[in-house]
Amino acid sequence: MRSDPLALSPRVVLNKIQTTKTVITNILMSKIKFSKEEIDILTRKIQLYFTEELNQEIGQFDAQFLLDFISDEMGSYYYNRGLYDAQAIMKERMETVSEAIYDIEKITEFRK
């Protein structure tokens, strides 16, 4: 069951934001590494692509070498696109929360 974000105290929200910031910073500081199983799957996909689309056989070593090249040289572009997409979603959600907070604000003599 998901909790209502409007029911969280500002201190809890700030704590969650700080925790998220710490996690994201740790992720950005380290190189993305695939597990052995992921490397095997990606290597097989490269081999299959070469066989089916290019009519060329490529060995496991060459496929893994190509995977390393693609990851090192192009991976950051895909990674950054994912960050931009996540940032856009977060911005949209925060606007929704801000609107909801404004909607439940009590009317007083002073209102922003």
Protein backbone atom coordinates (compact mmCIF):
# COMPACT_ATOMS: atom_id res chain seq x y z
CA MET A 1 0.00 0.00 0.00
CA ARG A 2 1.43 3.38 -0.97
CA SER A 3 1.44 6.15 1.55
CA ASP A 4 -0.10 9.50 0.83
CA PRO A 5 2.78 11.96 0.15
CA LEU A 6 0.69 14.76 1.59
CA ALA A 7 0.56 12.96 4.93
CA LEU A 8 4.35 13.16 5.35
CA SER A 9 5.84 15.82 7.56
CA PRO A 10 8.30 18.29 5.99
CA ARG A 11 11.11 16.75 8.07
CA VAL A 12 10.36 13.27 6.67
CA VAL A 13 10.20 14.62 3.12
CA LEU A 14 13.54 16.42 3.53
CA ASN A 15 15.08 13.27 5.01
CA LYS A 16 13.84 11.22 2.04
CA ILE A 17 15.21 13.80 -0.38
CA GLN A 18 18.62 13.75 1.34
CA THR A 19 18.69 9.94 1.31
CA THR A 20 17.80 9.90 -2.39
CA LYS A 21 20.48 12.50 -3.11
CA THR A 22 23.07 10.36 -1.31
CA VAL A 23 22.06 7.23 -3.23
CA ILE A 24 22.18 9.06 -6.58
CA THR A 25 25.60 10.56 -5.75
CA ASN A 26 26.96 7.10 -4.91
CA ILE A 27 25.63 5.72 -8.19
CA LEU A 28 27.16 8.55 -10.21
CA MET A 29 30.54 8.14 -8.56
CA SER A 30 30.86 4.46 -9.51
CA LYS A 31 31.17 2.83 -12.91
CA ILE A 32 28.15 0.81 -13.94
CA LYS A 33 28.99 -2.88 -13.86
CA PHE A 34 26.96 -5.72 -15.27
CA SER A 35 26.68 -9.07 -13.51
CA LYS A 36 28.17 -12.15 -15.22
CA GLU A 37 24.64 -13.24 -16.17
CA GLU A 38 23.89 -9.85 -17.73
CA ILE A 39 27.18 -9.89 -19.65
CA ASP A 40 26.38 -13.37 -20.95
CA ILE A 41 22.91 -12.30 -22.10
CA LEU A 42 24.18 -9.12 -23.77
CA THR A 43 27.04 -10.98 -25.43
CA ARG A 44 24.62 -13.57 -26.83
CA LYS A 45 22.38 -10.76 -28.12
CA ILE A 46 25.34 -9.21 -29.95
CA GLN A 47 26.28 -12.57 -31.43
CA LEU A 48 22.68 -13.17 -32.52
CA TYR A 49 22.48 -9.71 -34.10
CA PHE A 50 25.67 -10.30 -36.09
CA THR A 51 24.40 -13.69 -37.25
CA GLU A 52 20.85 -12.68 -38.19
CA GLU A 53 21.35 -9.12 -39.45
CA LEU A 54 24.89 -9.10 -40.80
CA ASN A 55 25.30 -12.77 -41.79
CA GLN A 56 28.57 -12.84 -39.84
CA GLU A 57 29.70 -15.11 -37.06
CA ILE A 58 31.27 -13.37 -34.08
CA GLY A 59 32.89 -15.20 -31.20
CA GLN A 60 32.11 -14.68 -27.53
CA PHE A 61 35.37 -12.81 -26.92
CA ASP A 62 34.77 -10.41 -29.82
CA ALA A 63 31.15 -9.88 -28.79
CA GLN A 64 32.19 -9.09 -25.22
CA PHE A 65 34.91 -6.76 -26.52
CA LEU A 66 32.27 -4.94 -28.61
CA LEU A 67 29.98 -4.77 -25.57
CA ASP A 68 32.78 -3.18 -23.53
CA PHE A 69 33.42 -0.67 -26.30
CA ILE A 70 29.74 0.27 -26.60
CA SER A 71 29.39 0.55 -22.82
CA ASP A 72 32.50 2.69 -22.43
CA GLU A 73 31.99 4.93 -25.45
CA MET A 74 28.20 5.24 -25.68
CA GLY A 75 26.80 4.05 -22.38
CA SER A 76 26.94 7.51 -20.84
CA TYR A 77 24.59 8.86 -23.50
CA TYR A 78 21.95 6.25 -22.65
CA TYR A 79 22.56 6.70 -18.93
CA ASN A 80 22.16 10.48 -19.18
CA ARG A 81 18.96 10.10 -21.23
CA GLY A 82 17.58 7.90 -18.44
CA LEU A 83 18.48 10.57 -15.89
CA TYR A 84 16.78 13.28 -17.97
CA ASP A 85 13.65 11.15 -18.28
CA ALA A 86 13.64 10.43 -14.52
CA GLN A 87 14.16 14.12 -13.78
CA ALA A 88 11.19 15.07 -15.98
CA ILE A 89 8.98 12.54 -14.18
CA MET A 90 10.12 13.82 -10.77
CA LYS A 91 9.48 17.42 -11.81
CA GLU A 92 5.97 16.52 -12.95
CA ARG A 93 5.25 14.66 -9.71
CA MET A 94 6.58 17.51 -7.57
CA GLU A 95 4.35 19.97 -9.43
CA THR A 96 1.39 17.73 -8.67
CA VAL A 97 2.35 17.62 -4.98
CA SER A 98 2.80 21.41 -4.92
CA GLU A 99 -0.63 21.90 -6.46
CA ALA A 100 -2.18 19.50 -3.94
CA ILE A 101 -0.55 21.37 -1.06
CA TYR A 102 -1.84 24.66 -2.40
CA ASP A 103 -5.33 23.16 -2.73
CA ILE A 104 -5.46 22.14 0.95
CA GLU A 105 -4.01 25.41 2.23
CA LYS A 106 -6.33 27.07 4.76
CA ILE A 107 -7.61 30.54 3.87
CA THR A 108 -6.15 33.25 6.09
CA GLU A 109 -5.62 36.96 5.80
CA PHE A 110 -2.17 36.18 4.47
CA ARG A 111 -2.01 33.88 1.47
CA LYS A 112 0.80 33.63 -1.04
